[in-house]
C-alpha atoms as a PDB file:
ATOM      1  CA  MET A   1      -0.329 -12.645 -39.294  1.00  0.00           C
ATOM      2  CA  SER A   2       1.016 -10.149 -38.142  1.00  0.00           C
ATOM      3  CA  ASN A   3       4.842  -8.287 -38.360  1.00  0.00           C
ATOM      4  CA  PRO A   4       6.550  -9.989 -35.417  1.00  0.00           C
ATOM      5  CA  ALA A   5       8.992  -6.458 -35.533  1.00  0.00           C
ATOM      6  CA  THR A   6       5.846  -4.186 -35.131  1.00  0.00           C
ATOM      7  CA  PRO A   7       6.374  -2.716 -31.864  1.00  0.00           C
ATOM      8  CA  ALA A   8       3.562  -3.105 -29.281  1.00  0.00           C
ATOM      9  CA  ALA A   9       1.000  -0.527 -28.258  1.00  0.00           C
ATOM     10  CA  PRO A  10       2.021   0.929 -25.097  1.00  0.00           C
ATOM     11  CA  GLU A  11      -1.087  -0.053 -23.527  1.00  0.00           C
ATOM     12  CA  ALA A  12      -0.074  -3.659 -24.643  1.00  0.00           C
ATOM     13  CA  SER A  13       3.044  -3.525 -23.004  1.00  0.00           C
ATOM     14  CA  ARG A  14       2.286  -1.996 -20.318  1.00  0.00           C
ATOM     15  CA  GLY A  15       0.077  -4.923 -19.082  1.00  0.00           C
ATOM     16  CA  ALA A  16       2.405  -7.471 -20.675  1.00  0.00           C
ATOM     17  CA  GLU A  17       4.603  -7.145 -18.288  1.00  0.00           C
ATOM     18  CA  ALA A  18       3.408  -9.811 -15.394  1.00  0.00           C
ATOM     19  CA  PHE A  19       5.144 -12.965 -16.445  1.00  0.00           C
ATOM     20  CA  TRP A  20       3.600 -14.787 -13.477  1.00  0.00           C
ATOM     21  CA  SER A  21       0.472 -16.855 -12.620  1.00  0.00           C
ATOM     22  CA  TRP A  22      -2.985 -16.689 -10.859  1.00  0.00           C
ATOM     23  CA  LEU A  23      -1.588 -19.267  -8.219  1.00  0.00           C
ATOM     24  CA  ASP A  24       1.316 -17.253  -7.577  1.00  0.00           C
ATOM     25  CA  ILE A  25      -0.496 -14.371  -6.528  1.00  0.00           C
ATOM     26  CA  VAL A  26      -2.765 -17.106  -4.260  1.00  0.00           C
ATOM     27  CA  THR A  27       0.566 -18.337  -2.974  1.00  0.00           C
ATOM     28  CA  PHE A  28       1.387 -14.997  -2.150  1.00  0.00           C
ATOM     29  CA  ALA A  29      -1.707 -13.927  -0.343  1.00  0.00           C
ATOM     30  CA  LEU A  30      -2.211 -17.550   1.283  1.00  0.00           C
ATOM     31  CA  LEU A  31       1.729 -16.419   3.068  1.00  0.00           C
ATOM     32  CA  ALA A  32       0.318 -13.313   4.002  1.00  0.00           C
ATOM     33  CA  VAL A  33      -1.184 -14.226   7.483  1.00  0.00           C
ATOM     34  CA  PRO A  34       1.680 -16.709   8.740  1.00  0.00           C
ATOM     35  CA  SER A  35       4.073 -14.472   8.171  1.00  0.00           C
ATOM     36  CA  LEU A  36       2.221 -11.977   9.975  1.00  0.00           C
ATOM     37  CA  LEU A  37       1.471 -14.382  12.740  1.00  0.00           C
ATOM     38  CA  VAL A  38       5.188 -15.770  13.144  1.00  0.00           C
ATOM     39  CA  ALA A  39       6.555 -11.899  12.995  1.00  0.00           C
ATOM     40  CA  ALA A  40       3.610 -10.858  15.425  1.00  0.00           C
ATOM     41  CA  LEU A  41       4.716 -14.475  18.005  1.00  0.00           C
ATOM     42  CA  LEU A  42       8.679 -13.416  17.775  1.00  0.00           C
ATOM     43  CA  VAL A  43       8.214  -9.727  18.184  1.00  0.00           C
ATOM     44  CA  HIS A  44       6.005  -9.975  21.501  1.00  0.00           C
ATOM     45  CA  VAL A  45       8.410 -12.491  22.482  1.00  0.00           C
ATOM     46  CA  VAL A  46      11.214  -9.660  22.301  1.00  0.00           C
ATOM     47  CA  PHE A  47       9.155  -7.350  23.765  1.00  0.00           C
ATOM     48  CA  LEU A  48       8.414  -8.879  26.576  1.00  0.00           C
ATOM     49  CA  LEU A  49      12.061  -9.742  27.153  1.00  0.00           C
ATOM     50  CA  LEU A  50      13.112  -5.842  26.923  1.00  0.00           C
ATOM     51  CA  PRO A  51      12.552  -3.554  29.657  1.00  0.00           C
ATOM     52  CA  LEU A  52      10.266  -1.476  27.718  1.00  0.00           C
ATOM     53  CA  ARG A  53       7.254   0.392  28.262  1.00  0.00           C
ATOM     54  CA  HIS A  54       3.973  -2.011  28.435  1.00  0.00           C
ATOM     55  CA  ASP A  55       1.462   0.486  27.690  1.00  0.00           C
ATOM     56  CA  ILE A  56       2.225   1.823  24.511  1.00  0.00           C
ATOM     57  CA  ARG A  57       1.205  -0.907  22.386  1.00  0.00           C
ATOM     58  CA  THR A  58       1.988   0.750  19.009  1.00  0.00           C
ATOM     59  CA  PRO A  59       5.665   0.004  19.015  1.00  0.00           C
ATOM     60  CA  GLU A  60       5.655  -3.453  19.277  1.00  0.00           C
ATOM     61  CA  LEU A  61       2.666  -3.645  16.511  1.00  0.00           C
ATOM     62  CA  LEU A  62       4.430  -1.257  13.687  1.00  0.00           C
ATOM     63  CA  ALA A  63       7.272  -3.380  14.721  1.00  0.00           C
ATOM     64  CA  ALA A  64       5.545  -6.984  14.575  1.00  0.00           C
ATOM     65  CA  GLN A  65       3.981  -5.221  10.956  1.00  0.00           C
ATOM     66  CA  PHE A  66       7.388  -4.398  10.079  1.00  0.00           C
ATOM     67  CA  LEU A  67       8.480  -7.902  10.448  1.00  0.00           C
ATOM     68  CA  GLY A  68       5.290  -9.508   9.035  1.00  0.00           C
ATOM     69  CA  TYR A  69       6.626  -7.594   5.735  1.00  0.00           C
ATOM     70  CA  ALA A  70      10.140  -8.309   5.473  1.00  0.00           C
ATOM     71  CA  PHE A  71       8.627 -12.796   5.975  1.00  0.00           C
ATOM     72  CA  TRP A  72       6.040 -11.818   3.131  1.00  0.00           C
ATOM     73  CA  PHE A  73       8.163 -10.257   0.563  1.00  0.00           C
ATOM     74  CA  LEU A  74      11.212 -12.004   0.939  1.00  0.00           C
ATOM     75  CA  SER A  75       8.580 -15.172  -0.156  1.00  0.00           C
ATOM     76  CA  LEU A  76       8.525 -13.293  -3.121  1.00  0.00           C
ATOM     77  CA  TYR A  77      11.785 -12.311  -3.722  1.00  0.00           C
ATOM     78  CA  PHE A  78      12.287 -16.373  -3.688  1.00  0.00           C
ATOM     79  CA  LEU A  79       9.427 -16.760  -5.742  1.00  0.00           C
ATOM     80  CA  LEU A  80      10.887 -14.285  -8.783  1.00  0.00           C
ATOM     81  CA  LYS A  81      14.071 -15.782  -8.076  1.00  0.00           C
ATOM     82  CA  LEU A  82      14.049 -19.459  -8.144  1.00  0.00           C
ATOM     83  CA  LYS A  83      10.797 -19.606 -10.329  1.00  0.00           C
ATOM     84  CA  TYR A  84      11.301 -17.714 -13.050  1.00  0.00           C
ATOM     85  CA  ARG A  85      15.077 -16.200 -12.066  1.00  0.00           C
ATOM     86  CA  ARG A  86      13.882 -12.725 -12.445  1.00  0.00           C
ATOM     87  CA  PRO A  87      15.617  -9.574 -10.487  1.00  0.00           C
ATOM     88  CA  PHE A  88      12.349  -8.659  -7.285  1.00  0.00           C
ATOM     89  CA  TRP A  89      12.653  -4.594  -7.860  1.00  0.00           C
ATOM     90  CA  LEU A  90      12.395  -4.319 -11.747  1.00  0.00           C
ATOM     91  CA  SER A  91      10.069  -7.257 -12.127  1.00  0.00           C
ATOM     92  CA  LEU A  92       7.719  -5.591  -9.703  1.00  0.00           C
ATOM     93  CA  GLY A  93       7.991  -2.414 -11.819  1.00  0.00           C
ATOM     94  CA  TRP A  94       9.897  -0.517  -9.461  1.00  0.00           C
ATOM     95  CA  ARG A  95      11.983   1.807 -11.656  1.00  0.00           C
ATOM     96  CA  PRO A  96      12.574   5.521 -11.550  1.00  0.00           C
ATOM     97  CA  PRO A  97       9.387   7.658 -12.683  1.00  0.00           C
ATOM     98  CA  SER A  98       9.879   9.917 -15.837  1.00  0.00           C
ATOM     99  CA  VAL A  99       9.008  12.616 -13.588  1.00  0.00           C
ATOM    100  CA  SER A 100      10.608  14.199 -10.756  1.00  0.00           C
ATOM    101  CA  PRO A 101       9.202  12.591  -7.557  1.00  0.00           C
ATOM    102  CA  LEU A 102       8.529  15.501  -6.403  1.00  0.00           C
ATOM    103  CA  VAL A 103       5.674  15.718  -9.166  1.00  0.00           C
ATOM    104  CA  TYR A 104       4.054  12.552  -7.388  1.00  0.00           C
ATOM    105  CA  LEU A 105       4.863  13.950  -3.680  1.00  0.00           C
ATOM    106  CA  LEU A 106       2.696  16.990  -4.134  1.00  0.00           C
ATOM    107  CA  ALA A 107       0.138  15.460  -6.352  1.00  0.00           C
ATOM    108  CA  GLY A 108      -0.739  13.037  -2.990  1.00  0.00           C
ATOM    109  CA  PRO A 109      -2.045  15.898  -1.107  1.00  0.00           C
ATOM    110  CA  LEU A 110      -4.480  17.016  -4.650  1.00  0.00           C
ATOM    111  CA  LEU A 111      -5.582  13.575  -4.340  1.00  0.00           C
ATOM    112  CA  ALA A 112      -6.392  14.119  -0.320  1.00  0.00           C
ATOM    113  CA  ILE A 113      -8.083  16.547  -0.874  1.00  0.00           C
ATOM    114  CA  GLY A 114     -10.296  15.049  -3.827  1.00  0.00           C
ATOM    115  CA  VAL A 115     -10.800  12.537  -1.258  1.00  0.00           C
ATOM    116  CA  GLY A 116     -11.512  14.337   1.552  1.00  0.00           C
ATOM    117  CA  VAL A 117     -14.200  16.324  -0.651  1.00  0.00           C
ATOM    118  CA  LEU A 118     -15.736  12.855  -2.007  1.00  0.00           C
ATOM    119  CA  GLY A 119     -15.936  11.996   2.056  1.00  0.00           C
ATOM    120  CA  VAL A 120     -18.120  15.203   2.601  1.00  0.00           C
ATOM    121  CA  LEU A 121     -20.476  14.882  -0.216  1.00  0.00           C
ATOM    122  CA  LEU A 122     -21.148  11.276   1.407  1.00  0.00           C
ATOM    123  CA  GLN A 123     -21.343  12.475   4.372  1.00  0.00           C
ATOM    124  CA  THR A 124     -19.232  10.525   5.647  1.00  0.00           C
ATOM    125  CA  PRO A 125     -19.464   9.861  10.172  1.00  0.00           C
ATOM    126  CA  ASP A 126     -16.064  10.575  12.202  1.00  0.00           C
ATOM    127  CA  ILE A 127     -16.074   7.241  13.826  1.00  0.00           C
ATOM    128  CA  ASN A 128     -13.907   6.225  16.600  1.00  0.00           C
ATOM    129  CA  SER A 129     -12.117   4.007  14.577  1.00  0.00           C
ATOM    130  CA  PRO A 130      -8.816   1.948  16.081  1.00  0.00           C
ATOM    131  CA  LEU A 131      -6.517   3.367  14.133  1.00  0.00           C
ATOM    132  CA  LYS A 132      -7.633   6.630  16.674  1.00  0.00           C
ATOM    133  CA  GLU A 133      -7.472   4.580  20.021  1.00  0.00           C
ATOM    134  CA  LEU A 134      -3.881   3.790  18.764  1.00  0.00           C
ATOM    135  CA  LEU A 135      -2.570   7.064  18.336  1.00  0.00           C
ATOM    136  CA  SER A 136      -3.368   8.557  21.949  1.00  0.00           C
ATOM    137  CA  ASP A 137      -0.222   9.093  23.096  1.00  0.00           C
ATOM    138  CA  ARG A 138       3.195  11.150  21.297  1.00  0.00           C
ATOM    139  CA  THR A 139       5.499   7.947  20.506  1.00  0.00           C
ATOM    140  CA  SER A 140       2.178   6.401  18.626  1.00  0.00           C
ATOM    141  CA  LEU A 141       1.912   9.705  16.804  1.00  0.00           C
ATOM    142  CA  ILE A 142       5.125   9.841  15.631  1.00  0.00           C
ATOM    143  CA  LEU A 143       6.120   6.364  14.863  1.00  0.00           C
ATOM    144  CA  VAL A 144       2.878   5.848  12.995  1.00  0.00           C
ATOM    145  CA  GLY A 145       3.862   9.190  11.212  1.00  0.00           C
ATOM    146  CA  ILE A 146       7.025   7.312   9.446  1.00  0.00           C
ATOM    147  CA  PHE A 147       5.125   4.337   8.888  1.00  0.00           C
ATOM    148  CA  ALA A 148       2.606   5.823   6.790  1.00  0.00           C
ATOM    149  CA  ALA A 149       5.298   7.933   5.180  1.00  0.00           C
ATOM    150  CA  THR A 150       7.195   5.069   4.370  1.00  0.00           C
ATOM    151  CA  LEU A 151       7.058   1.295   5.031  1.00  0.00           C
ATOM    152  CA  GLY A 152       3.133   1.714   4.135  1.00  0.00           C
ATOM    153  CA  PRO A 153       3.176   3.204   1.230  1.00  0.00           C
ATOM    154  CA  LEU A 154       6.254   1.052  -0.201  1.00  0.00           C
ATOM    155  CA  CYS A 155       4.732  -2.798   0.699  1.00  0.00           C
ATOM    156  CA  GLU A 156       1.028  -1.763  -0.393  1.00  0.00           C
ATOM    157  CA  GLU A 157       2.623  -0.173  -3.757  1.00  0.00           C
ATOM    158  CA  LEU A 158       4.574  -3.390  -4.185  1.00  0.00           C
ATOM    159  CA  ALA A 159       1.935  -6.051  -3.286  1.00  0.00           C
ATOM    160  CA  PHE A 160      -1.052  -3.807  -5.330  1.00  0.00           C
ATOM    161  CA  ARG A 161      -0.010  -2.457  -8.011  1.00  0.00           C
ATOM    162  CA  GLY A 162       3.228  -3.932  -8.120  1.00  0.00           C
ATOM    163  CA  PHE A 163       2.719  -7.717  -8.264  1.00  0.00           C
ATOM    164  CA  LEU A 164      -1.084  -7.760  -8.354  1.00  0.00           C
ATOM    165  CA  LEU A 165      -2.509  -5.123 -10.985  1.00  0.00           C
ATOM    166  CA  PRO A 166      -0.036  -6.082 -14.373  1.00  0.00           C
ATOM    167  CA  LEU A 167      -1.411  -9.310 -14.265  1.00  0.00           C
ATOM    168  CA  LEU A 168      -5.347  -7.965 -13.446  1.00  0.00           C
ATOM    169  CA  ILE A 169      -4.713  -5.592 -16.516  1.00  0.00           C
ATOM    170  CA  ARG A 170      -3.295  -8.627 -18.634  1.00  0.00           C
ATOM    171  CA  SER A 171      -6.643 -10.931 -18.084  1.00  0.00           C
ATOM    172  CA  PHE A 172      -8.986  -8.227 -17.841  1.00  0.00           C
ATOM    173  CA  GLY A 173      -8.178  -4.809 -19.369  1.00  0.00           C
ATOM    174  CA  VAL A 174      -6.447  -1.487 -18.239  1.00  0.00           C
ATOM    175  CA  ALA A 175      -9.991   0.047 -16.369  1.00  0.00           C
ATOM    176  CA  PRO A 176     -10.878  -3.402 -14.733  1.00  0.00           C
ATOM    177  CA  GLY A 177      -7.692  -3.937 -13.655  1.00  0.00           C
ATOM    178  CA  ILE A 178      -7.617  -1.070 -11.643  1.00  0.00           C
ATOM    179  CA  LEU A 179     -10.898  -0.937 -10.158  1.00  0.00           C
ATOM    180  CA  LEU A 180     -10.050  -4.609  -9.079  1.00  0.00           C
ATOM    181  CA  SER A 181      -6.766  -4.140  -7.591  1.00  0.00           C
ATOM    182  CA  ALA A 182      -8.586  -0.957  -5.491  1.00  0.00           C
ATOM    183  CA  LEU A 183     -10.966  -3.602  -4.249  1.00  0.00           C
ATOM    184  CA  PRO A 184      -8.942  -5.550  -2.065  1.00  0.00           C
ATOM    185  CA  PHE A 185      -6.694  -2.488  -1.432  1.00  0.00           C
ATOM    186  CA  GLY A 186      -9.930  -0.967   0.184  1.00  0.00           C
ATOM    187  CA  LEU A 187     -10.797  -3.881   1.991  1.00  0.00           C
ATOM    188  CA  LEU A 188      -7.336  -4.345   3.593  1.00  0.00           C
ATOM    189  CA  HIS A 189      -8.111  -0.622   5.368  1.00  0.00           C
ATOM    190  CA  GLY A 190     -11.431  -1.993   6.667  1.00  0.00           C
ATOM    191  CA  PRO A 191     -10.519  -2.934  10.377  1.00  0.00           C
ATOM    192  CA  GLU A 192      -8.981   0.427  10.496  1.00  0.00           C
ATOM    193  CA  TYR A 193     -11.726   2.190  10.163  1.00  0.00           C
ATOM    194  CA  ALA A 194     -14.487  -0.082  11.707  1.00  0.00           C
ATOM    195  CA  TRP A 195     -15.799  -1.608   8.494  1.00  0.00           C
ATOM    196  CA  SER A 196     -17.627   2.231   7.614  1.00  0.00           C
ATOM    197  CA  TRP A 197     -18.656   1.470   4.155  1.00  0.00           C
ATOM    198  CA  ARG A 198     -17.566   5.000   2.898  1.00  0.00           C
ATOM    199  CA  HIS A 199     -14.410   4.963   4.477  1.00  0.00           C
ATOM    200  CA  ILE A 200     -13.786   1.683   2.723  1.00  0.00           C
ATOM    201  CA  LEU A 201     -14.964   3.396  -0.418  1.00  0.00           C
ATOM    202  CA  LEU A 202     -12.793   5.936  -0.399  1.00  0.00           C
ATOM    203  CA  VAL A 203      -9.836   4.082   0.371  1.00  0.00           C
ATOM    204  CA  THR A 204     -10.872   2.266  -2.986  1.00  0.00           C
ATOM    205  CA  VAL A 205     -10.933   5.633  -5.204  1.00  0.00           C
ATOM    206  CA  ALA A 206      -7.455   6.245  -3.653  1.00  0.00           C
ATOM    207  CA  GLY A 207      -6.294   2.624  -4.424  1.00  0.00           C
ATOM    208  CA  ALA A 208      -7.639   3.322  -8.005  1.00  0.00           C
ATOM    209  CA  ALA A 209      -5.822   6.623  -8.485  1.00  0.00           C
ATOM    210  CA  PHE A 210      -2.654   4.720  -7.337  1.00  0.00           C
ATOM    211  CA  GLY A 211      -3.305   2.141 -10.329  1.00  0.00           C
ATOM    212  CA  TRP A 212      -3.811   4.733 -12.544  1.00  0.00           C
ATOM    213  CA  VAL A 213      -0.704   6.150 -12.011  1.00  0.00           C
ATOM    214  CA  ARG A 214       1.080   3.233 -11.912  1.00  0.00           C
ATOM    215  CA  TYR A 215      -0.310   2.013 -15.497  1.00  0.00           C
ATOM    216  CA  ARG A 216       0.611   5.377 -16.828  1.00  0.00           C
ATOM    217  CA  SER A 217       4.313   6.212 -15.724  1.00  0.00           C
ATOM    218  CA  ARG A 218       4.371   1.823 -15.902  1.00  0.00           C
ATOM    219  CA  SER A 219       6.810   3.005 -12.737  1.00  0.00           C
ATOM    220  CA  THR A 220       5.514   1.579  -9.042  1.00  0.00           C
ATOM    221  CA  ALA A 221       7.489   4.292  -7.552  1.00  0.00           C
ATOM    222  CA  ALA A 222       5.646   6.694  -8.894  1.00  0.00           C
ATOM    223  CA  ALA A 223       2.867   5.135  -7.163  1.00  0.00           C
ATOM    224  CA  VAL A 224       4.654   4.970  -4.050  1.00  0.00           C
ATOM    225  CA  TYR A 225       5.476   8.946  -3.898  1.00  0.00           C
ATOM    226  CA  LEU A 226       2.061   9.767  -4.559  1.00  0.00           C
ATOM    227  CA  HIS A 227       0.763   7.459  -1.666  1.00  0.00           C
ATOM    228  CA  ALA A 228       3.394   8.659   0.832  1.00  0.00           C
ATOM    229  CA  GLY A 229       1.924  12.448  -0.202  1.00  0.00           C
ATOM    230  CA  TYR A 230      -1.633  11.448   0.308  1.00  0.00           C
ATOM    231  CA  ASN A 231      -0.725   9.473   3.658  1.00  0.00           C
ATOM    232  CA  ILE A 232       1.093  12.513   4.880  1.00  0.00           C
ATOM    233  CA  THR A 233      -1.612  15.095   4.118  1.00  0.00           C
ATOM    234  CA  PHE A 234      -4.273  13.010   6.221  1.00  0.00           C
ATOM    235  CA  PHE A 235      -1.756  12.664   8.558  1.00  0.00           C
ATOM    236  CA  ILE A 236      -1.132  16.071   8.860  1.00  0.00           C
ATOM    237  CA  GLY A 237      -5.200  17.011   8.608  1.00  0.00           C
ATOM    238  CA  PHE A 238      -5.254  14.325  11.647  1.00  0.00           C
ATOM    239  CA  LEU A 239      -2.403  15.974  14.062  1.00  0.00           C
ATOM    240  CA  SER A 240      -4.137  19.404  13.314  1.00  0.00           C
ATOM    241  CA  GLN A 241      -7.018  17.764  15.325  1.00  0.00           C
ATOM    242  CA  GLY A 242      -5.079  16.912  17.843  1.00  0.00           C
ATOM    243  CA  ARG A 243      -2.494  19.401  18.806  1.00  0.00           C
ATOM    244  CA  GLN A 244      -3.325  18.774  22.525  1.00  0.00           C
ATOM    245  CA  PHE A 245       0.129  16.211  21.753  1.00  0.00           C
ATOM    246  CA  PHE A 246       2.476  18.308  21.280  1.00  0.00           C
ATOM    247  CA  ASN A 247       1.492  21.038  23.980  1.00  0.00           C
END
C-alpha cells in the first residue's frame, strides 16, 4: 500500500485536477448550439431595430458569437458552482503562469512560423474561405482582429484546454489527451477554411501546442497568451496581403 503522505508525481497531479465527468462534458457540448442560436436570434432582432448598416454582417455575427459564448460559459459556471461547489476560473486552470505572459505572447509568432512552414511543406492551397469573404471592409477587419486577439483565444482555451483537456489526460494519459483535445479544436475551425483538410490539420497542430503549454505550465492563461500571439501573427500576415483596406 502506498504511503498517503507521499506527494503525487507532477504528471499525475496535472492530469488529476479534473473533478468533473464525461456527462458534464457532453452536457456542456450539447448546450453550445442552443446558446449560439438564442444569441443569434436576440442579436438579429436588436440589429433590425437599430439604425445600423445592414450590408456589413461582421458586427452582428461577432455580437452574436460574443453573447452565445456568454450564455454557454454561464451554463458551465452554474455547473461548477451548483453541482460541485467549485470556483469557475480556478477549476479551469486559470492561474498566473510561472513566467511572464510576454514569454507566451512572443512564443505565438514562433509557433505561427512553424505552422506556416508546415503548411508550405503540405502545399496548403490558398482558398477563398468564408472567413476571407467576411473580411471585406475596414470595420470587419478591425472587429475580427480584436476578437481574434482577445475573446476568441480566451473562450476556446477555457473550453478545450481548461475543461476538456484535464479530463482527457486523466482518462487516457498526457500525449493522447493533448492530441484528442486538439482534434475537435481543429474540426471546429473547419467551416472557416471550407473544410480544407490541410488547414484543419494545421489548426490541429496549433491546438496540440496550446495543449502542451497548458499541461506543462498548469495554466490555461498561458495557453490563452500563446493562442493570442499566434492569432495576432496570422492576422498581421493577412493584413500584409490586403493593404488596400488601409490606403
